[in-house]
Amino acid sequence: MMATFRFCPKCGTLASADARTCGRCGAKLPAPARAAPEAIPNPNRVILTWAVYIVAAIGGFLLLGVVFVLALTYLFR
């Protein structure tokens, strides 16, 4: 999102973003700052993130299975 206004470096008056000179003192205004380009997600990082989720889910199910088996063996001795 671009700024709608900026300040004159000489007198500090508020100027519109498309103004080239200050309306009060006539000083030349610096060029408006460009917006930073949006970051493009790294596909390898996205794949790695999903891989971590999948491994965590599988590990969770395995742990749940081990706990279930241990509980059954304890209950039915």
C-alpha atoms as a PDB file:
ATOM      1  CA  MET A   1       0.000   0.000   0.000  1.00  0.00           C
ATOM      2  CA  MET A   2       1.513   3.320  -1.078  1.00  0.00           C
ATOM      3  CA  ALA A   3       1.482   6.416   1.113  1.00  0.00           C
ATOM      4  CA  THR A   4      -1.026   9.043   0.031  1.00  0.00           C
ATOM      5  CA  PHE A   5       1.009  11.966   1.392  1.00  0.00           C
ATOM      6  CA  ARG A   6       4.641  12.852   2.056  1.00  0.00           C
ATOM      7  CA  PHE A   7       6.501  15.765   3.653  1.00  0.00           C
ATOM      8  CA  CYS A   8       8.600  18.512   2.085  1.00  0.00           C
ATOM      9  CA  PRO A   9      12.247  18.080   3.175  1.00  0.00           C
ATOM     10  CA  LYS A  10      12.771  21.884   3.320  1.00  0.00           C
ATOM     11  CA  CYS A  11       9.737  23.234   5.182  1.00  0.00           C
ATOM     12  CA  GLY A  12       7.969  20.084   6.415  1.00  0.00           C
ATOM     13  CA  THR A  13       4.674  20.851   4.701  1.00  0.00           C
ATOM     14  CA  LEU A  14       2.453  17.920   3.830  1.00  0.00           C
ATOM     15  CA  ALA A  15       2.353  17.261   0.079  1.00  0.00           C
ATOM     16  CA  SER A  16       0.392  14.779  -1.994  1.00  0.00           C
ATOM     17  CA  ALA A  17       2.182  11.655  -3.201  1.00  0.00           C
ATOM     18  CA  ASP A  18       2.047  12.737  -6.864  1.00  0.00           C
ATOM     19  CA  ALA A  19       3.315  16.315  -6.282  1.00  0.00           C
ATOM     20  CA  ARG A  20       6.742  17.178  -7.718  1.00  0.00           C
ATOM     21  CA  THR A  21       7.256  20.444  -5.849  1.00  0.00           C
ATOM     22  CA  CYS A  22       6.147  21.750  -2.476  1.00  0.00           C
ATOM     23  CA  GLY A  23       3.026  23.907  -2.649  1.00  0.00           C
ATOM     24  CA  ARG A  24       4.298  26.201   0.114  1.00  0.00           C
ATOM     25  CA  CYS A  25       8.013  26.816  -0.545  1.00  0.00           C
ATOM     26  CA  GLY A  26       8.394  25.447  -4.084  1.00  0.00           C
ATOM     27  CA  ALA A  27      11.209  23.056  -3.184  1.00  0.00           C
ATOM     28  CA  LYS A  28      11.613  20.011  -5.360  1.00  0.00           C
ATOM     29  CA  LEU A  29      10.254  16.915  -3.590  1.00  0.00           C
ATOM     30  CA  PRO A  30      12.238  13.671  -3.642  1.00  0.00           C
ATOM     31  CA  ALA A  31      10.879  10.812  -5.717  1.00  0.00           C
ATOM     32  CA  PRO A  32       8.338   8.727  -3.809  1.00  0.00           C
ATOM     33  CA  ALA A  33       9.692   5.516  -2.315  1.00  0.00           C
ATOM     34  CA  ARG A  34       8.888   2.392  -4.255  1.00  0.00           C
ATOM     35  CA  ALA A  35       6.984  -0.376  -2.577  1.00  0.00           C
ATOM     36  CA  ALA A  36       9.044  -3.468  -1.857  1.00  0.00           C
ATOM     37  CA  PRO A  37       8.134  -6.389  -4.101  1.00  0.00           C
ATOM     38  CA  GLU A  38       6.131  -9.101  -2.421  1.00  0.00           C
ATOM     39  CA  ALA A  39       8.165 -12.081  -1.349  1.00  0.00           C
ATOM     40  CA  ILE A  40       7.685 -15.155  -3.491  1.00  0.00           C
ATOM     41  CA  PRO A  41       7.538 -18.260  -1.330  1.00  0.00           C
ATOM     42  CA  ASN A  42      10.357 -20.719  -1.884  1.00  0.00           C
ATOM     43  CA  PRO A  43       8.733 -23.937  -3.200  1.00  0.00           C
ATOM     44  CA  ASN A  44      11.378 -26.069  -1.472  1.00  0.00           C
ATOM     45  CA  ARG A  45      10.496 -24.498   1.862  1.00  0.00           C
ATOM     46  CA  VAL A  46       6.781 -25.112   1.275  1.00  0.00           C
ATOM     47  CA  ILE A  47       7.446 -28.776   0.454  1.00  0.00           C
ATOM     48  CA  LEU A  48       9.689 -29.109   3.501  1.00  0.00           C
ATOM     49  CA  THR A  49       6.994 -27.597   5.711  1.00  0.00           C
ATOM     50  CA  TRP A  50       4.421 -30.108   4.477  1.00  0.00           C
ATOM     51  CA  ALA A  51       6.918 -32.938   4.885  1.00  0.00           C
ATOM     52  CA  VAL A  52       7.397 -31.954   8.523  1.00  0.00           C
ATOM     53  CA  TYR A  53       3.623 -31.935   9.061  1.00  0.00           C
ATOM     54  CA  ILE A  54       3.265 -35.376   7.475  1.00  0.00           C
ATOM     55  CA  VAL A  55       6.136 -36.870   9.474  1.00  0.00           C
ATOM     56  CA  ALA A  56       4.737 -35.366  12.675  1.00  0.00           C
ATOM     57  CA  ALA A  57       1.290 -36.796  11.930  1.00  0.00           C
ATOM     58  CA  ILE A  58       2.696 -40.272  11.206  1.00  0.00           C
ATOM     59  CA  GLY A  59       4.827 -40.103  14.353  1.00  0.00           C
ATOM     60  CA  GLY A  60       1.795 -39.052  16.364  1.00  0.00           C
ATOM     61  CA  PHE A  61      -0.266 -41.961  15.068  1.00  0.00           C
ATOM     62  CA  LEU A  62       2.565 -44.411  15.786  1.00  0.00           C
ATOM     63  CA  LEU A  63       2.922 -43.083  19.315  1.00  0.00           C
ATOM     64  CA  LEU A  64      -0.816 -43.318  19.812  1.00  0.00           C
ATOM     65  CA  GLY A  65      -0.718 -46.931  18.604  1.00  0.00           C
ATOM     66  CA  VAL A  66       2.106 -47.810  21.003  1.00  0.00           C
ATOM     67  CA  VAL A  67       0.229 -46.244  23.910  1.00  0.00           C
ATOM     68  CA  PHE A  68      -2.926 -48.125  22.911  1.00  0.00           C
ATOM     69  CA  VAL A  69      -1.093 -51.470  22.744  1.00  0.00           C
ATOM     70  CA  LEU A  70       0.593 -50.848  26.088  1.00  0.00           C
ATOM     71  CA  ALA A  71      -2.744 -49.935  27.659  1.00  0.00           C
ATOM     72  CA  LEU A  72      -4.349 -53.108  26.306  1.00  0.00           C
ATOM     73  CA  THR A  73      -1.513 -55.321  27.548  1.00  0.00           C
ATOM     74  CA  TYR A  74      -1.717 -53.686  30.978  1.00  0.00           C
ATOM     75  CA  LEU A  75      -5.504 -54.088  31.195  1.00  0.00           C
ATOM     76  CA  PHE A  76      -5.639 -57.698  29.969  1.00  0.00           C
ATOM     77  CA  ARG A  77      -2.786 -59.350  31.876  1.00  0.00           C
END
